[in-house]
C-alpha atoms as a PDB file:
ATOM      1  CA  UNK A   1     -53.618-137.405 -39.850  1.00  0.00           C
ATOM      2  CA  UNK A   2     -54.639-134.092 -41.426  1.00  0.00           C
ATOM      3  CA  UNK A   3     -54.333-132.230 -38.632  1.00  0.00           C
ATOM      4  CA  UNK A   4     -50.818-133.722 -37.998  1.00  0.00           C
ATOM      5  CA  UNK A   5     -49.733-133.023 -41.748  1.00  0.00           C
ATOM      6  CA  UNK A   6     -51.402-129.344 -41.366  1.00  0.00           C
ATOM      7  CA  UNK A   7     -49.517-128.389 -37.710  1.00  0.00           C
ATOM      8  CA  UNK A   8     -46.068-128.525 -39.935  1.00  0.00           C
ATOM      9  CA  UNK A   9     -47.147-126.323 -42.682  1.00  0.00           C
ATOM     10  CA  UNK A  10     -48.806-123.585 -40.516  1.00  0.00           C
ATOM     11  CA  UNK A  11     -45.119-123.692 -38.513  1.00  0.00           C
ATOM     12  CA  UNK A  12     -43.288-123.471 -41.828  1.00  0.00           C
ATOM     13  CA  UNK A  13     -45.690-120.562 -42.590  1.00  0.00           C
ATOM     14  CA  UNK A  14     -45.728-118.956 -39.816  1.00  0.00           C
ATOM     15  CA  UNK A  15     -42.229-118.730 -40.065  1.00  0.00           C
ATOM     16  CA  UNK A  16     -41.413-117.894 -43.373  1.00  0.00           C
ATOM     17  CA  UNK A  17     -43.929-114.872 -43.231  1.00  0.00           C
ATOM     18  CA  UNK A  18     -42.529-113.298 -39.816  1.00  0.00           C
ATOM     19  CA  UNK A  19     -39.129-113.627 -41.230  1.00  0.00           C
ATOM     20  CA  UNK A  20     -40.283-111.866 -44.048  1.00  0.00           C
ATOM     21  CA  UNK A  21     -42.157-108.942 -42.213  1.00  0.00           C
ATOM     22  CA  UNK A  22     -39.808-108.154 -39.593  1.00  0.00           C
ATOM     23  CA  UNK A  23     -39.111-104.042 -39.796  1.00  0.00           C
ATOM     24  CA  UNK A  24     -35.623-102.105 -38.891  1.00  0.00           C
ATOM     25  CA  UNK A  25     -36.286 -99.630 -36.519  1.00  0.00           C
ATOM     26  CA  UNK A  26     -34.419 -96.575 -37.039  1.00  0.00           C
ATOM     27  CA  UNK A  27     -34.699 -93.078 -35.347  1.00  0.00           C
ATOM     28  CA  UNK A  28     -35.095 -90.271 -36.835  1.00  0.00           C
ATOM     29  CA  UNK A  29     -32.941 -87.341 -35.819  1.00  0.00           C
ATOM     30  CA  UNK A  30     -33.715 -84.090 -37.640  1.00  0.00           C
ATOM     31  CA  UNK A  31     -30.828 -82.154 -36.456  1.00  0.00           C
ATOM     32  CA  UNK A  32     -28.287 -84.873 -38.178  1.00  0.00           C
ATOM     33  CA  UNK A  33     -26.141 -87.411 -37.153  1.00  0.00           C
ATOM     34  CA  UNK A  34     -24.904 -87.523 -33.710  1.00  0.00           C
ATOM     35  CA  UNK A  35     -21.119 -87.948 -32.957  1.00  0.00           C
ATOM     36  CA  UNK A  36     -19.046 -88.037 -30.219  1.00  0.00           C
ATOM     37  CA  UNK A  37     -16.048 -85.563 -30.148  1.00  0.00           C
ATOM     38  CA  UNK A  38     -12.662 -86.775 -28.573  1.00  0.00           C
ATOM     39  CA  UNK A  39     -11.583 -85.432 -25.281  1.00  0.00           C
ATOM     40  CA  UNK A  40     -14.446 -83.862 -24.397  1.00  0.00           C
ATOM     41  CA  UNK A  41     -15.261 -85.863 -21.085  1.00  0.00           C
ATOM     42  CA  UNK A  42     -12.315 -83.268 -19.955  1.00  0.00           C
ATOM     43  CA  UNK A  43     -14.111 -79.818 -21.485  1.00  0.00           C
ATOM     44  CA  UNK A  44     -16.231 -79.017 -18.510  1.00  0.00           C
ATOM     45  CA  UNK A  45     -14.501 -77.654 -15.387  1.00  0.00           C
ATOM     46  CA  UNK A  46     -14.483 -79.061 -11.904  1.00  0.00           C
ATOM     47  CA  UNK A  47     -14.311 -78.489  -8.583  1.00  0.00           C
ATOM     48  CA  UNK A  48     -10.215 -77.879  -9.039  1.00  0.00           C
ATOM     49  CA  UNK A  49      -9.754 -76.726 -12.192  1.00  0.00           C
ATOM     50  CA  UNK A  50     -10.628 -74.953 -15.449  1.00  0.00           C
ATOM     51  CA  UNK A  51     -10.260 -77.168 -18.675  1.00  0.00           C
ATOM     52  CA  UNK A  52     -10.357 -76.092 -21.917  1.00  0.00           C
ATOM     53  CA  UNK A  53     -10.962 -78.181 -25.195  1.00  0.00           C
ATOM     54  CA  UNK A  54      -9.326 -76.987 -28.331  1.00  0.00           C
ATOM     55  CA  UNK A  55      -8.980 -78.224 -32.143  1.00  0.00           C
ATOM     56  CA  UNK A  56      -6.626 -78.126 -35.196  1.00  0.00           C
ATOM     57  CA  UNK A  57      -6.866 -79.368 -38.363  1.00  0.00           C
ATOM     58  CA  UNK A  58      -3.693 -79.258 -40.874  1.00  0.00           C
ATOM     59  CA  UNK A  59      -1.511 -81.872 -43.474  1.00  0.00           C
ATOM     60  CA  UNK A  60       1.198 -81.692 -41.239  1.00  0.00           C
ATOM     61  CA  UNK A  61       0.629 -83.407 -37.753  1.00  0.00           C
ATOM     62  CA  UNK A  62       2.580 -81.340 -35.631  1.00  0.00           C
ATOM     63  CA  UNK A  63       1.051 -77.822 -37.069  1.00  0.00           C
ATOM     64  CA  UNK A  64      -2.392 -79.453 -36.594  1.00  0.00           C
ATOM     65  CA  UNK A  65      -0.864 -80.150 -32.717  1.00  0.00           C
ATOM     66  CA  UNK A  66      -0.103 -76.635 -31.909  1.00  0.00           C
ATOM     67  CA  UNK A  67      -3.075 -75.000 -33.708  1.00  0.00           C
ATOM     68  CA  UNK A  68      -5.119 -77.576 -30.748  1.00  0.00           C
ATOM     69  CA  UNK A  69      -2.800 -76.407 -28.430  1.00  0.00           C
ATOM     70  CA  UNK A  70      -3.491 -72.882 -29.240  1.00  0.00           C
ATOM     71  CA  UNK A  71      -7.337 -72.706 -29.757  1.00  0.00           C
ATOM     72  CA  UNK A  72      -7.429 -74.486 -26.631  1.00  0.00           C
ATOM     73  CA  UNK A  73      -5.188 -71.680 -24.666  1.00  0.00           C
ATOM     74  CA  UNK A  74      -7.065 -68.926 -26.625  1.00  0.00           C
ATOM     75  CA  UNK A  75     -10.622 -70.643 -25.529  1.00  0.00           C
ATOM     76  CA  UNK A  76      -9.234 -70.397 -21.408  1.00  0.00           C
ATOM     77  CA  UNK A  77      -8.271 -66.846 -21.450  1.00  0.00           C
ATOM     78  CA  UNK A  78     -11.261 -65.632 -23.241  1.00  0.00           C
ATOM     79  CA  UNK A  79     -13.362 -67.050 -20.335  1.00  0.00           C
ATOM     80  CA  UNK A  80     -11.581 -64.393 -18.076  1.00  0.00           C
ATOM     81  CA  UNK A  81     -11.510 -61.331 -19.871  1.00  0.00           C
ATOM     82  CA  UNK A  82     -14.750 -60.365 -18.480  1.00  0.00           C
ATOM     83  CA  UNK A  83     -14.551 -61.208 -15.206  1.00  0.00           C
ATOM     84  CA  UNK A  84     -11.303 -59.321 -15.102  1.00  0.00           C
ATOM     85  CA  UNK A  85     -12.750 -56.586 -16.498  1.00  0.00           C
ATOM     86  CA  UNK A  86     -15.441 -56.230 -14.019  1.00  0.00           C
ATOM     87  CA  UNK A  87     -12.774 -57.244 -10.783  1.00  0.00           C
ATOM     88  CA  UNK A  88     -10.870 -54.235 -11.365  1.00  0.00           C
ATOM     89  CA  UNK A  89     -13.756 -51.998 -11.772  1.00  0.00           C
ATOM     90  CA  UNK A  90     -15.849 -53.048  -8.633  1.00  0.00           C
ATOM     91  CA  UNK A  91     -12.464 -52.841  -6.696  1.00  0.00           C
ATOM     92  CA  UNK A  92     -12.043 -49.493  -7.956  1.00  0.00           C
ATOM     93  CA  UNK A  93     -15.086 -48.321  -7.434  1.00  0.00           C
ATOM     94  CA  UNK A  94     -14.713 -49.774  -3.564  1.00  0.00           C
ATOM     95  CA  UNK A  95     -11.780 -47.946  -1.978  1.00  0.00           C
ATOM     96  CA  UNK A  96     -12.867 -45.063  -4.503  1.00  0.00           C
ATOM     97  CA  UNK A  97      -9.226 -44.164  -5.525  1.00  0.00           C
ATOM     98  CA  UNK A  98      -8.880 -40.459  -7.375  1.00  0.00           C
ATOM     99  CA  UNK A  99      -7.473 -42.186 -10.109  1.00  0.00           C
ATOM    100  CA  UNK A 100      -9.731 -45.118 -10.588  1.00  0.00           C
ATOM    101  CA  UNK A 101      -9.688 -45.521 -14.646  1.00  0.00           C
ATOM    102  CA  UNK A 102      -5.870 -45.611 -14.383  1.00  0.00           C
ATOM    103  CA  UNK A 103      -5.330 -48.136 -11.092  1.00  0.00           C
ATOM    104  CA  UNK A 104      -8.224 -50.190 -12.724  1.00  0.00           C
ATOM    105  CA  UNK A 105      -6.232 -50.115 -16.556  1.00  0.00           C
ATOM    106  CA  UNK A 106      -3.083 -51.094 -14.524  1.00  0.00           C
ATOM    107  CA  UNK A 107      -4.614 -53.950 -12.864  1.00  0.00           C
ATOM    108  CA  UNK A 108      -6.763 -55.276 -15.582  1.00  0.00           C
ATOM    109  CA  UNK A 109      -3.115 -55.460 -17.270  1.00  0.00           C
ATOM    110  CA  UNK A 110      -1.117 -57.327 -14.663  1.00  0.00           C
ATOM    111  CA  UNK A 111      -4.187 -59.521 -14.354  1.00  0.00           C
ATOM    112  CA  UNK A 112      -4.479 -60.185 -17.696  1.00  0.00           C
ATOM    113  CA  UNK A 113      -0.570 -61.159 -18.067  1.00  0.00           C
ATOM    114  CA  UNK A 114      -0.743 -63.415 -15.245  1.00  0.00           C
ATOM    115  CA  UNK A 115      -3.567 -65.362 -16.590  1.00  0.00           C
ATOM    116  CA  UNK A 116      -2.005 -65.222 -20.063  1.00  0.00           C
ATOM    117  CA  UNK A 117       1.113 -67.204 -18.367  1.00  0.00           C
ATOM    118  CA  UNK A 118      -0.671 -69.762 -16.504  1.00  0.00           C
ATOM    119  CA  UNK A 119      -2.529 -70.729 -19.321  1.00  0.00           C
ATOM    120  CA  UNK A 120       0.745 -70.830 -20.992  1.00  0.00           C
ATOM    121  CA  UNK A 121       1.555 -72.885 -18.695  1.00  0.00           C
ATOM    122  CA  UNK A 122      -1.323 -75.232 -18.089  1.00  0.00           C
ATOM    123  CA  UNK A 123      -1.010 -78.738 -18.645  1.00  0.00           C
ATOM    124  CA  UNK A 124      -2.494 -81.230 -21.159  1.00  0.00           C
ATOM    125  CA  UNK A 125      -4.691 -83.732 -20.084  1.00  0.00           C
ATOM    126  CA  UNK A 126      -5.924 -85.607 -22.691  1.00  0.00           C
ATOM    127  CA  UNK A 127      -4.758 -85.479 -27.186  1.00  0.00           C
ATOM    128  CA  UNK A 128      -6.269 -87.603 -29.786  1.00  0.00           C
ATOM    129  CA  UNK A 129      -5.585 -87.508 -32.972  1.00  0.00           C
ATOM    130  CA  UNK A 130      -7.202 -88.392 -36.442  1.00  0.00           C
ATOM    131  CA  UNK A 131      -6.472 -88.713 -40.275  1.00  0.00           C
ATOM    132  CA  UNK A 132      -9.512 -87.974 -42.535  1.00  0.00           C
ATOM    133  CA  UNK A 133      -9.937 -88.704 -45.884  1.00  0.00           C
ATOM    134  CA  UNK A 134      -8.641 -86.560 -47.278  1.00  0.00           C
ATOM    135  CA  UNK A 135      -5.256 -86.971 -45.694  1.00  0.00           C
ATOM    136  CA  UNK A 136      -5.735 -84.252 -43.237  1.00  0.00           C
ATOM    137  CA  UNK A 137      -4.597 -84.756 -39.307  1.00  0.00           C
ATOM    138  CA  UNK A 138      -7.523 -83.344 -36.853  1.00  0.00           C
ATOM    139  CA  UNK A 139      -6.267 -83.072 -33.477  1.00  0.00           C
ATOM    140  CA  UNK A 140      -7.825 -82.675 -30.215  1.00  0.00           C
ATOM    141  CA  UNK A 141      -6.252 -81.817 -26.874  1.00  0.00           C
ATOM    142  CA  UNK A 142      -8.221 -80.393 -23.946  1.00  0.00           C
ATOM    143  CA  UNK A 143      -5.850 -78.666 -20.883  1.00  0.00           C
ATOM    144  CA  UNK A 144      -5.989 -77.198 -17.336  1.00  0.00           C
ATOM    145  CA  UNK A 145      -5.425 -75.215 -14.905  1.00  0.00           C
ATOM    146  CA  UNK A 146      -5.700 -75.176 -11.057  1.00  0.00           C
ATOM    147  CA  UNK A 147      -8.570 -72.826  -9.879  1.00  0.00           C
ATOM    148  CA  UNK A 148      -6.763 -72.252  -6.967  1.00  0.00           C
ATOM    149  CA  UNK A 149      -3.252 -71.493  -9.112  1.00  0.00           C
ATOM    150  CA  UNK A 150      -5.428 -68.129 -11.084  1.00  0.00           C
ATOM    151  CA  UNK A 151      -6.732 -67.135  -7.953  1.00  0.00           C
ATOM    152  CA  UNK A 152      -3.626 -66.874  -5.786  1.00  0.00           C
ATOM    153  CA  UNK A 153      -1.281 -66.156  -8.882  1.00  0.00           C
ATOM    154  CA  UNK A 154      -3.968 -62.925  -9.729  1.00  0.00           C
ATOM    155  CA  UNK A 155      -3.955 -62.024  -6.052  1.00  0.00           C
ATOM    156  CA  UNK A 156      -0.408 -61.969  -5.530  1.00  0.00           C
ATOM    157  CA  UNK A 157       0.529 -60.073  -8.713  1.00  0.00           C
ATOM    158  CA  UNK A 158      -2.165 -57.532  -7.655  1.00  0.00           C
ATOM    159  CA  UNK A 159      -0.915 -56.571  -4.575  1.00  0.00           C
ATOM    160  CA  UNK A 160       2.648 -56.868  -4.613  1.00  0.00           C
ATOM    161  CA  UNK A 161       2.083 -53.994  -8.051  1.00  0.00           C
ATOM    162  CA  UNK A 162       3.862 -51.039  -6.490  1.00  0.00           C
ATOM    163  CA  UNK A 163       1.495 -48.950  -9.275  1.00  0.00           C
ATOM    164  CA  UNK A 164      -1.815 -49.995  -8.045  1.00  0.00           C
ATOM    165  CA  UNK A 165      -0.898 -49.701  -4.479  1.00  0.00           C
ATOM    166  CA  UNK A 166      -3.371 -53.047  -3.451  1.00  0.00           C
ATOM    167  CA  UNK A 167      -1.339 -54.164  -0.828  1.00  0.00           C
ATOM    168  CA  UNK A 168      -2.840 -52.099   1.956  1.00  0.00           C
ATOM    169  CA  UNK A 169      -6.198 -53.199   0.746  1.00  0.00           C
ATOM    170  CA  UNK A 170      -5.587 -56.977   0.080  1.00  0.00           C
ATOM    171  CA  UNK A 171      -8.102 -58.383   2.250  1.00  0.00           C
ATOM    172  CA  UNK A 172     -11.226 -56.076  -0.181  1.00  0.00           C
ATOM    173  CA  UNK A 173      -9.463 -57.435  -3.384  1.00  0.00           C
ATOM    174  CA  UNK A 174      -9.401 -61.114  -2.388  1.00  0.00           C
ATOM    175  CA  UNK A 175     -13.633 -60.657  -1.451  1.00  0.00           C
ATOM    176  CA  UNK A 176     -13.996 -58.427  -4.410  1.00  0.00           C
ATOM    177  CA  UNK A 177     -11.967 -61.510  -6.774  1.00  0.00           C
ATOM    178  CA  UNK A 178     -13.687 -64.594  -5.125  1.00  0.00           C
ATOM    179  CA  UNK A 179     -16.875 -63.597  -5.232  1.00  0.00           C
ATOM    180  CA  UNK A 180     -16.822 -62.330  -9.447  1.00  0.00           C
ATOM    181  CA  UNK A 181     -15.277 -66.021  -9.516  1.00  0.00           C
ATOM    182  CA  UNK A 182     -17.350 -67.869  -6.878  1.00  0.00           C
ATOM    183  CA  UNK A 183     -19.445 -69.450  -9.868  1.00  0.00           C
ATOM    184  CA  UNK A 184     -16.254 -71.151 -11.646  1.00  0.00           C
END
């Protein structure tokens, strides 16, 4: 009889102590709290498109949107800057022009203008907006530009410019351009 009364008491004690000793596990991150950035899934290039993500913060929604769009465009244009310079320098070295510096400058300016136009016409692929406790709008915008379109427009524009005399070396220019951008 004592055993029968003892079993419910032991069960009750075990139940009470197990509930009181449960530990919550938290993961310590020495770098801070991890956050998810809206539209970040569109911030990396794929096989066919260049992508960029821009952000804008402001008390006016339209201003925040314009800042985010401009930020994304600026990021995309900056990515091309060094590569375009390298293409123009490698091309002028390869074809041994006497006025190589002048041709490189014209070529680089022409390529930058072409990229600016393409980025200006870029397609918005994601937009997320939130409003924080201070009343500011936080806007995230991702844009994309076709890799083939960039390549084709730059080659077409550069080879049709009469000041660079590239038309006769069109294939040389195409090879140099493609080599510089092959990992993009």
